[in-house]
Amino acid sequence: MEVEYYTQKFNTDNDLSNSVILSKYRSAADIVNAVLPQIISRIVPGASVSELCKYGDQLIFSHTSKVYNKNKVEKGVALPTMICVNHCLQYFSPLPENDIILQHGDLVKVELGVHIDGYIASTAHTTILNPNPQQPIEGRSADVVAAAHFGAEVALKLLKAGNKGSDIVKAVNQVADAFKCIPVEGSIVQQIRRYVLQAENSAILNPNDGLPDGDFMINSNEVYTVNILMSTGNGLIRESDLKPTIFQRNVNEVYNLKLKAARTVFKKISDNYSVFPFSLNSLENTRDRLGIPECVTHGLLRPYYVLLENAGQAVVAQFKFTALVGTNGNATRITSSLQLPYVYSEFSIPPETDIGKLLANEVKLTMAKNI
């Protein structure tokens, strides 16, 4: 009976026909859509990545503090603000001592997520600091932005009930080939659920075990994040030597912490971030960081190591969105896309191909402006 109850509750908590649940997803997405442009507007030469990440998390908490206040509802950061430059891939939210100052020519990726009552919306966008905004960026940076953008667009068009995850993997790989790029190891179309960033279904591009993935059917009443990272290198990832600054609670571990600093910070993390990742940048009291090592040592916190493209001189572009597969079987993107950086790629998607036909409107844009 207990298993049956939890199964029923699990299904009820993730039912998109429930207007309350749908509203919470859309509220989370509205905040994402409000915060991301404010961060992008501050991505200029001379800007501090550490300060930008901190600013992004502050914006998320400011927005979430204004909604769903009548009842006790958990809300806030689902993914901390991460800003990755050039060949850096994910999980970079540096403390001041490891800060990066942005420069002209940098390819900059911004990723973040918000949840309302455990219902998640996340996004990522790529921009380039163009020293001459009247002229398009050309070369491999342009190619990789185009590949990531159109890879995400084709994934959205194929994200519908009755299609398989492997259909999306195949199509995105074809887009990558058209622009002479490669999906980064672990780029993913990932099902999510309430409080769950990684649910049961996932279609992984360039999986590290070399095996095909995505052999599942997409169904109505499901929610997905599409996270496409494209590289001009070999697409392989490695961990940076930097100490991680992003952590997530491991709800399956229990330990009686000995240090007062550890007990204090773990309570703050549990109260403010629930089961979601957070950045040390957002801990207002720097003394709280002293308790992190004991939490990690005993498995209460899981670190997210900064990821880099294996080929150090490669550049990586990223576009990510959240989409709901409704009762009609079609996907609705709830995190909006922003204006693309001004780039010109020598490559394009041939309009007579299956991918070209699928992306007819977008390909016309490429032919005319190459984004």
Protein backbone atom coordinates (compact mmCIF):
# COMPACT_ATOMS: atom_id res chain seq x y z
CA MET A 1 0.00 0.00 0.00
CA GLU A 2 2.86 2.42 0.82
CA VAL A 3 4.50 1.89 -2.59
CA GLU A 4 1.13 2.35 -4.31
CA TYR A 5 0.57 5.62 -2.39
CA TYR A 6 3.96 7.06 -3.38
CA THR A 7 3.48 6.02 -7.01
CA GLN A 8 0.12 7.74 -7.09
CA LYS A 9 1.54 10.88 -5.41
CA PHE A 10 4.47 10.90 -7.84
CA ASN A 11 2.10 10.84 -10.79
CA THR A 12 -0.17 13.49 -9.28
CA ASP A 13 2.77 15.80 -8.55
CA ASN A 14 3.82 15.66 -12.20
CA ASP A 15 0.45 15.95 -13.94
CA LEU A 16 0.56 18.82 -16.46
CA SER A 17 -3.24 18.79 -16.78
CA ASN A 18 -3.29 20.30 -13.28
CA SER A 19 -3.49 24.07 -13.77
CA VAL A 20 -1.70 24.74 -10.46
CA ILE A 21 1.31 22.68 -11.53
CA LEU A 22 1.34 24.30 -14.95
CA SER A 23 1.24 27.74 -13.34
CA LYS A 24 4.25 26.93 -11.15
CA TYR A 25 6.28 25.80 -14.15
CA ARG A 26 5.37 28.98 -15.99
CA SER A 27 6.11 31.17 -12.97
CA ALA A 28 9.58 29.62 -12.70
CA ALA A 29 10.09 30.18 -16.43
CA ASP A 30 8.91 33.80 -16.17
CA ILE A 31 11.61 34.46 -13.59
CA VAL A 32 14.25 32.75 -15.73
CA ASN A 33 13.13 34.87 -18.68
CA ALA A 34 13.40 38.03 -16.58
CA VAL A 35 16.77 37.28 -14.98
CA LEU A 36 18.79 36.05 -17.97
CA PRO A 37 18.55 39.28 -20.04
CA GLN A 38 19.64 41.33 -17.03
CA ILE A 39 22.78 39.23 -16.69
CA ILE A 40 23.46 39.30 -20.44
CA SER A 41 23.23 43.11 -20.41
CA ARG A 42 26.18 43.20 -17.99
CA ILE A 43 28.42 40.90 -20.01
CA VAL A 44 30.89 43.46 -21.28
CA PRO A 45 34.69 43.73 -21.42
CA GLY A 46 36.05 44.30 -17.92
CA ALA A 47 33.14 42.58 -16.16
CA SER A 48 33.87 40.15 -13.32
CA VAL A 49 32.50 36.63 -13.80
CA SER A 50 32.38 36.13 -10.03
CA GLU A 51 30.30 39.28 -9.53
CA LEU A 52 28.00 38.39 -12.44
CA CYS A 53 27.28 34.94 -10.98
CA LYS A 54 26.56 36.42 -7.58
CA TYR A 55 24.32 39.05 -9.18
CA GLY A 56 22.36 36.37 -11.05
CA ASP A 57 21.62 34.38 -7.89
CA GLN A 58 20.59 37.55 -6.06
CA LEU A 59 18.16 38.36 -8.86
CA ILE A 60 16.63 34.89 -8.66
CA PHE A 61 16.02 35.19 -4.92
CA SER A 62 14.65 38.72 -5.36
CA HIS A 63 12.12 37.54 -7.93
CA THR A 64 11.10 34.33 -6.14
CA SER A 65 10.58 36.24 -2.86
CA LYS A 66 7.68 38.09 -4.52
CA VAL A 67 5.62 35.07 -5.59
CA TYR A 68 3.66 32.29 -3.83
CA ASN A 69 3.81 33.89 -0.39
CA LYS A 70 0.35 32.94 0.91
CA ASN A 71 1.37 29.36 1.67
CA LYS A 72 4.72 27.91 2.62
CA VAL A 73 6.20 27.04 -0.77
CA GLU A 74 9.86 26.21 -1.39
CA LYS A 75 11.28 28.35 -4.19
CA GLY A 76 14.54 29.79 -5.42
CA VAL A 77 17.64 28.59 -7.26
CA ALA A 78 17.33 25.30 -9.14
CA LEU A 79 20.70 25.83 -10.82
CA PRO A 80 23.06 28.58 -9.65
CA THR A 81 24.16 31.19 -12.16
CA MET A 82 27.14 29.77 -14.07
CA ILE A 83 29.20 31.73 -16.57
CA CYS A 84 31.65 29.74 -18.69
CA VAL A 85 34.10 31.36 -21.10
CA ASN A 86 35.48 29.94 -24.36
CA HIS A 87 36.46 26.26 -23.80
CA CYS A 88 35.00 26.11 -20.27
CA LEU A 89 31.82 24.03 -20.37
CA GLN A 90 29.83 24.05 -17.15
CA TYR A 91 29.77 24.59 -13.37
CA PHE A 92 31.94 27.72 -13.25
CA SER A 93 30.78 30.14 -10.56
CA PRO A 94 34.10 31.38 -9.21
CA LEU A 95 34.94 32.92 -5.87
CA PRO A 96 36.82 36.25 -6.13
CA GLU A 97 40.21 34.56 -5.74
CA ASN A 98 39.65 32.58 -8.97
CA ASP A 99 37.79 35.28 -10.86
CA ILE A 100 37.94 35.86 -14.62
CA ILE A 101 37.64 39.31 -16.18
CA LEU A 102 35.86 39.28 -19.53
CA GLN A 103 37.67 40.50 -22.64
CA HIS A 104 36.84 41.35 -26.24
CA GLY A 105 36.50 38.19 -28.31
CA ASP A 106 35.37 35.98 -25.43
CA LEU A 107 32.58 33.50 -26.15
CA VAL A 108 30.46 33.54 -22.99
CA LYS A 109 27.84 31.01 -21.87
CA VAL A 110 25.32 31.84 -19.13
CA GLU A 111 23.28 29.06 -17.48
CA LEU A 112 20.81 29.21 -14.58
CA GLY A 113 17.62 27.64 -13.24
CA VAL A 114 14.67 28.51 -11.00
CA HIS A 115 12.14 26.37 -9.17
CA ILE A 116 8.76 27.10 -7.65
CA ASP A 117 7.64 24.35 -5.26
CA GLY A 118 10.11 22.02 -6.96
CA TYR A 119 8.88 22.73 -10.50
CA ILE A 120 11.97 23.60 -12.52
CA ALA A 121 12.75 25.89 -15.44
CA SER A 122 16.32 26.32 -16.65
CA THR A 123 18.05 28.01 -19.55
CA ALA A 124 21.42 28.78 -21.13
CA HIS A 125 22.48 31.32 -23.74
CA THR A 126 25.70 32.11 -25.59
CA THR A 127 26.98 35.55 -26.51
CA ILE A 128 30.26 36.89 -27.89
CA LEU A 129 32.05 40.08 -26.87
CA ASN A 130 32.41 41.56 -30.32
CA PRO A 131 35.06 44.31 -30.51
CA ASN A 132 33.31 45.68 -33.63
CA PRO A 133 29.54 45.18 -33.17
CA GLN A 134 28.79 46.49 -36.68
CA GLN A 135 30.68 43.53 -38.18
CA PRO A 136 29.75 39.88 -37.65
CA ILE A 137 32.02 37.46 -35.84
CA GLU A 138 33.36 34.95 -38.37
CA GLY A 139 35.37 31.75 -38.26
CA ARG A 140 35.02 28.87 -35.84
CA SER A 141 33.26 30.88 -33.12
CA ALA A 142 30.53 31.65 -35.65
CA ASP A 143 30.31 28.02 -36.73
CA VAL A 144 29.91 26.70 -33.19
CA VAL A 145 27.23 29.27 -32.25
CA ALA A 146 25.26 28.34 -35.37
CA ALA A 147 25.64 24.61 -34.66
CA ALA A 148 24.46 24.92 -31.05
CA HIS A 149 21.55 27.19 -31.94
CA PHE A 150 20.20 25.06 -34.75
CA GLY A 151 20.87 21.89 -32.78
CA ALA A 152 18.60 23.21 -30.04
CA GLU A 153 15.98 24.29 -32.59
CA VAL A 154 15.84 20.91 -34.30
CA ALA A 155 15.60 19.21 -30.90
CA LEU A 156 12.58 21.38 -30.06
CA LYS A 157 10.86 20.51 -33.34
CA LEU A 158 11.35 16.79 -32.75
CA LEU A 159 10.40 16.90 -29.08
CA LYS A 160 6.87 15.56 -29.48
CA ALA A 161 4.89 12.55 -28.38
CA GLY A 162 5.54 9.51 -30.54
CA ASN A 163 9.13 10.44 -31.41
CA LYS A 164 12.11 8.77 -29.79
CA GLY A 165 14.98 10.42 -27.99
CA SER A 166 17.29 8.74 -30.49
CA ASP A 167 15.54 10.68 -33.30
CA ILE A 168 16.69 13.89 -31.65
CA VAL A 169 20.24 12.60 -31.17
CA LYS A 170 20.50 11.70 -34.86
CA ALA A 171 19.16 15.05 -36.04
CA VAL A 172 21.38 17.13 -33.74
CA ASN A 173 24.42 15.17 -34.91
CA GLN A 174 23.50 16.04 -38.51
CA VAL A 175 23.36 19.73 -37.59
CA ALA A 176 26.79 19.45 -35.97
CA ASP A 177 28.19 17.84 -39.11
CA ALA A 178 26.80 20.65 -41.28
CA PHE A 179 28.84 23.22 -39.33
CA LYS A 180 31.93 21.01 -38.90
CA CYS A 181 31.44 20.86 -35.14
CA ILE A 182 30.77 18.09 -32.64
CA PRO A 183 28.36 17.81 -29.70
CA VAL A 184 30.14 17.97 -26.39
CA GLU A 185 30.28 14.70 -24.49
CA GLY A 186 27.13 14.50 -22.39
CA SER A 187 25.02 17.14 -24.13
CA ILE A 188 21.55 15.98 -23.32
CA VAL A 189 17.80 15.96 -23.78
CA GLN A 190 16.72 15.22 -20.23
CA GLN A 191 13.32 14.50 -18.73
CA ILE A 192 12.74 16.35 -15.46
CA ARG A 193 10.11 16.05 -12.74
CA ARG A 194 9.19 17.87 -9.57
CA TYR A 195 12.39 18.26 -7.52
CA VAL A 196 14.23 15.99 -10.00
CA LEU A 197 16.78 17.49 -12.41
CA GLN A 198 17.52 14.10 -13.95
CA ALA A 199 14.47 11.86 -14.31
CA GLU A 200 14.27 8.52 -16.03
CA ASN A 201 14.50 9.42 -19.74
CA SER A 202 17.60 10.96 -21.30
CA ALA A 203 19.04 11.18 -24.78
CA ILE A 204 22.78 11.80 -24.55
CA LEU A 205 24.82 13.14 -27.43
CA ASN A 206 28.38 11.89 -27.74
CA PRO A 207 28.00 9.62 -24.66
CA ASN A 208 31.25 8.84 -22.88
CA ASP A 209 30.63 5.09 -23.03
CA GLY A 210 30.39 5.25 -26.82
CA LEU A 211 27.00 3.52 -26.85
CA PRO A 212 23.90 4.90 -28.59
CA ASP A 213 21.37 6.47 -26.23
CA GLY A 214 17.87 7.87 -26.28
CA ASP A 215 15.93 4.68 -27.04
CA PHE A 216 12.78 5.87 -25.28
CA MET A 217 9.45 7.18 -26.49
CA ILE A 218 8.48 10.77 -25.75
CA ASN A 219 4.99 10.98 -24.27
CA SER A 220 2.42 13.65 -23.53
CA ASN A 221 2.43 15.09 -20.02
CA GLU A 222 6.24 15.14 -19.75
CA VAL A 223 8.76 17.94 -19.14
CA TYR A 224 12.23 18.13 -20.67
CA THR A 225 15.32 20.29 -20.59
CA VAL A 226 17.28 20.41 -23.83
CA ASN A 227 20.92 21.29 -23.21
CA ILE A 228 22.99 21.48 -26.40
CA LEU A 229 26.72 22.21 -26.19
CA MET A 230 28.73 22.23 -29.41
CA SER A 231 32.50 22.31 -29.73
CA THR A 232 35.07 23.14 -32.38
CA GLY A 233 37.36 20.57 -30.72
CA ASN A 234 36.90 16.86 -30.10
CA GLY A 235 33.91 17.21 -27.77
CA LEU A 236 35.61 15.38 -24.90
CA ILE A 237 35.48 16.80 -21.39
CA ARG A 238 37.93 16.95 -18.50
CA GLU A 239 37.72 18.26 -14.98
CA SER A 240 39.49 21.49 -14.17
CA ASP A 241 42.10 21.69 -11.43
CA LEU A 242 40.04 24.43 -9.77
CA LYS A 243 38.31 23.59 -6.52
CA PRO A 244 34.56 23.16 -7.06
CA THR A 245 32.30 25.96 -5.85
CA ILE A 246 28.97 24.33 -6.76
CA PHE A 247 27.50 21.63 -4.53
CA GLN A 248 24.24 19.73 -4.09
CA ARG A 249 22.72 17.97 -1.10
CA ASN A 250 22.79 14.20 -1.16
CA VAL A 251 19.45 13.30 0.44
CA ASN A 252 20.41 9.62 0.64
CA GLU A 253 23.22 10.22 3.16
CA VAL A 254 22.86 10.89 6.89
CA TYR A 255 25.71 11.88 9.21
CA ASN A 256 25.97 13.60 12.58
CA LEU A 257 28.27 16.51 11.75
CA LYS A 258 30.88 17.31 14.40
CA LEU A 259 31.90 20.88 13.56
CA LYS A 260 29.57 23.73 14.49
CA ALA A 261 30.43 25.48 11.21
CA ALA A 262 29.40 22.37 9.27
CA ARG A 263 26.09 22.03 11.13
CA THR A 264 25.35 25.73 10.61
CA VAL A 265 26.06 25.78 6.89
CA PHE A 266 24.25 22.49 6.25
CA LYS A 267 21.09 23.86 7.89
CA LYS A 268 21.31 27.01 5.76
CA ILE A 269 21.76 24.92 2.62
CA SER A 270 18.79 22.70 3.50
CA ASP A 271 16.58 25.70 4.29
CA ASN A 272 17.54 27.86 1.29
CA TYR A 273 18.30 25.37 -1.50
CA SER A 274 16.32 22.25 -0.64
CA VAL A 275 17.69 19.46 -2.88
CA PHE A 276 19.04 21.76 -5.61
CA PRO A 277 22.63 22.77 -6.43
CA PHE A 278 24.01 26.02 -5.03
CA SER A 279 27.16 28.11 -5.34
CA LEU A 280 29.50 29.10 -2.53
CA ASN A 281 29.22 32.56 -4.07
CA SER A 282 25.74 32.86 -2.60
CA LEU A 283 26.76 32.13 1.00
CA GLU A 284 26.62 35.60 2.54
CA ASN A 285 28.83 34.70 5.51
CA THR A 286 32.21 33.59 4.20
CA ARG A 287 32.81 31.73 7.49
CA ASP A 288 30.07 29.31 6.45
CA ARG A 289 32.45 27.92 3.83
CA LEU A 290 34.58 26.49 6.64
CA GLY A 291 31.91 23.85 7.22
CA ILE A 292 31.72 22.66 3.61
CA PRO A 293 34.67 20.19 3.69
CA GLU A 294 33.17 18.06 6.48
CA CYS A 295 29.84 17.93 4.64
CA VAL A 296 31.61 16.77 1.47
CA THR A 297 33.87 14.27 3.27
CA HIS A 298 30.87 12.47 4.73
CA GLY A 299 28.81 12.52 1.56
CA LEU A 300 26.19 15.07 2.61
CA LEU A 301 27.17 17.37 -0.25
CA ARG A 302 28.13 16.37 -3.79
CA PRO A 303 30.61 18.66 -5.60
CA TYR A 304 30.21 19.72 -9.23
CA TYR A 305 33.69 20.01 -10.73
CA VAL A 306 34.32 22.68 -13.36
CA LEU A 307 34.29 21.02 -16.77
CA LEU A 308 36.52 21.97 -19.70
CA GLU A 309 36.71 20.85 -23.31
CA ASN A 310 39.60 18.44 -23.61
CA ALA A 311 41.18 20.37 -26.46
CA GLY A 312 42.31 23.54 -24.68
CA GLN A 313 42.10 25.83 -27.70
CA ALA A 314 38.56 24.82 -28.69
CA VAL A 315 35.54 27.05 -28.18
CA VAL A 316 32.15 25.81 -27.00
CA ALA A 317 28.67 27.30 -27.47
CA GLN A 318 25.59 26.37 -25.45
CA PHE A 319 21.84 26.82 -25.77
CA LYS A 320 19.39 25.32 -23.31
CA PHE A 321 15.67 25.50 -22.71
CA THR A 322 12.81 23.87 -20.83
CA ALA A 323 9.76 22.53 -22.68
CA LEU A 324 6.45 20.97 -21.70
CA VAL A 325 4.99 18.18 -23.86
CA GLY A 326 1.27 18.89 -23.62
CA THR A 327 -1.81 16.74 -24.03
CA ASN A 328 -1.76 17.42 -27.79
CA GLY A 329 1.68 15.80 -27.98
CA ASN A 330 3.50 18.98 -29.02
CA ALA A 331 6.23 20.66 -27.00
CA THR A 332 5.87 24.21 -25.75
CA ARG A 333 9.08 26.02 -24.93
CA ILE A 334 8.60 27.97 -21.68
CA THR A 335 12.06 29.53 -21.35
CA SER A 336 12.41 32.07 -24.12
CA SER A 337 15.29 32.51 -26.55
CA LEU A 338 17.29 35.73 -26.67
CA GLN A 339 18.76 37.58 -29.62
CA LEU A 340 21.68 35.66 -31.03
CA PRO A 341 25.16 37.14 -31.30
CA TYR A 342 25.96 38.66 -34.69
CA VAL A 343 27.91 35.92 -36.47
CA TYR A 344 28.55 34.80 -40.04
CA SER A 345 29.30 31.15 -40.74
CA GLU A 346 30.59 29.94 -44.08
CA PHE A 347 28.51 26.80 -43.54
CA SER A 348 24.75 26.30 -43.66
CA ILE A 349 22.17 23.54 -43.60
CA PRO A 350 21.22 22.52 -47.16
CA PRO A 351 17.50 23.28 -47.57
CA GLU A 352 16.85 20.07 -49.53
CA THR A 353 17.91 17.83 -46.63
CA ASP A 354 15.48 16.46 -44.04
CA ILE A 355 16.98 18.77 -41.43
CA GLY A 356 16.75 21.69 -43.83
CA LYS A 357 13.07 21.02 -44.42
CA LEU A 358 12.44 20.63 -40.71
CA LEU A 359 14.10 23.98 -40.06
CA ALA A 360 12.77 25.75 -43.15
CA ASN A 361 12.22 29.15 -41.54
CA GLU A 362 15.45 29.07 -39.56
CA VAL A 363 17.49 27.97 -42.58
CA LYS A 364 16.13 30.92 -44.57
CA LEU A 365 17.46 33.14 -41.81
CA THR A 366 20.84 31.43 -42.03
CA MET A 367 20.99 31.82 -45.79
CA ALA A 368 20.16 35.50 -45.48
CA LYS A 369 22.17 36.55 -42.45
CA ASN A 370 24.03 33.47 -41.19
CA ILE A 371 22.61 34.47 -37.84
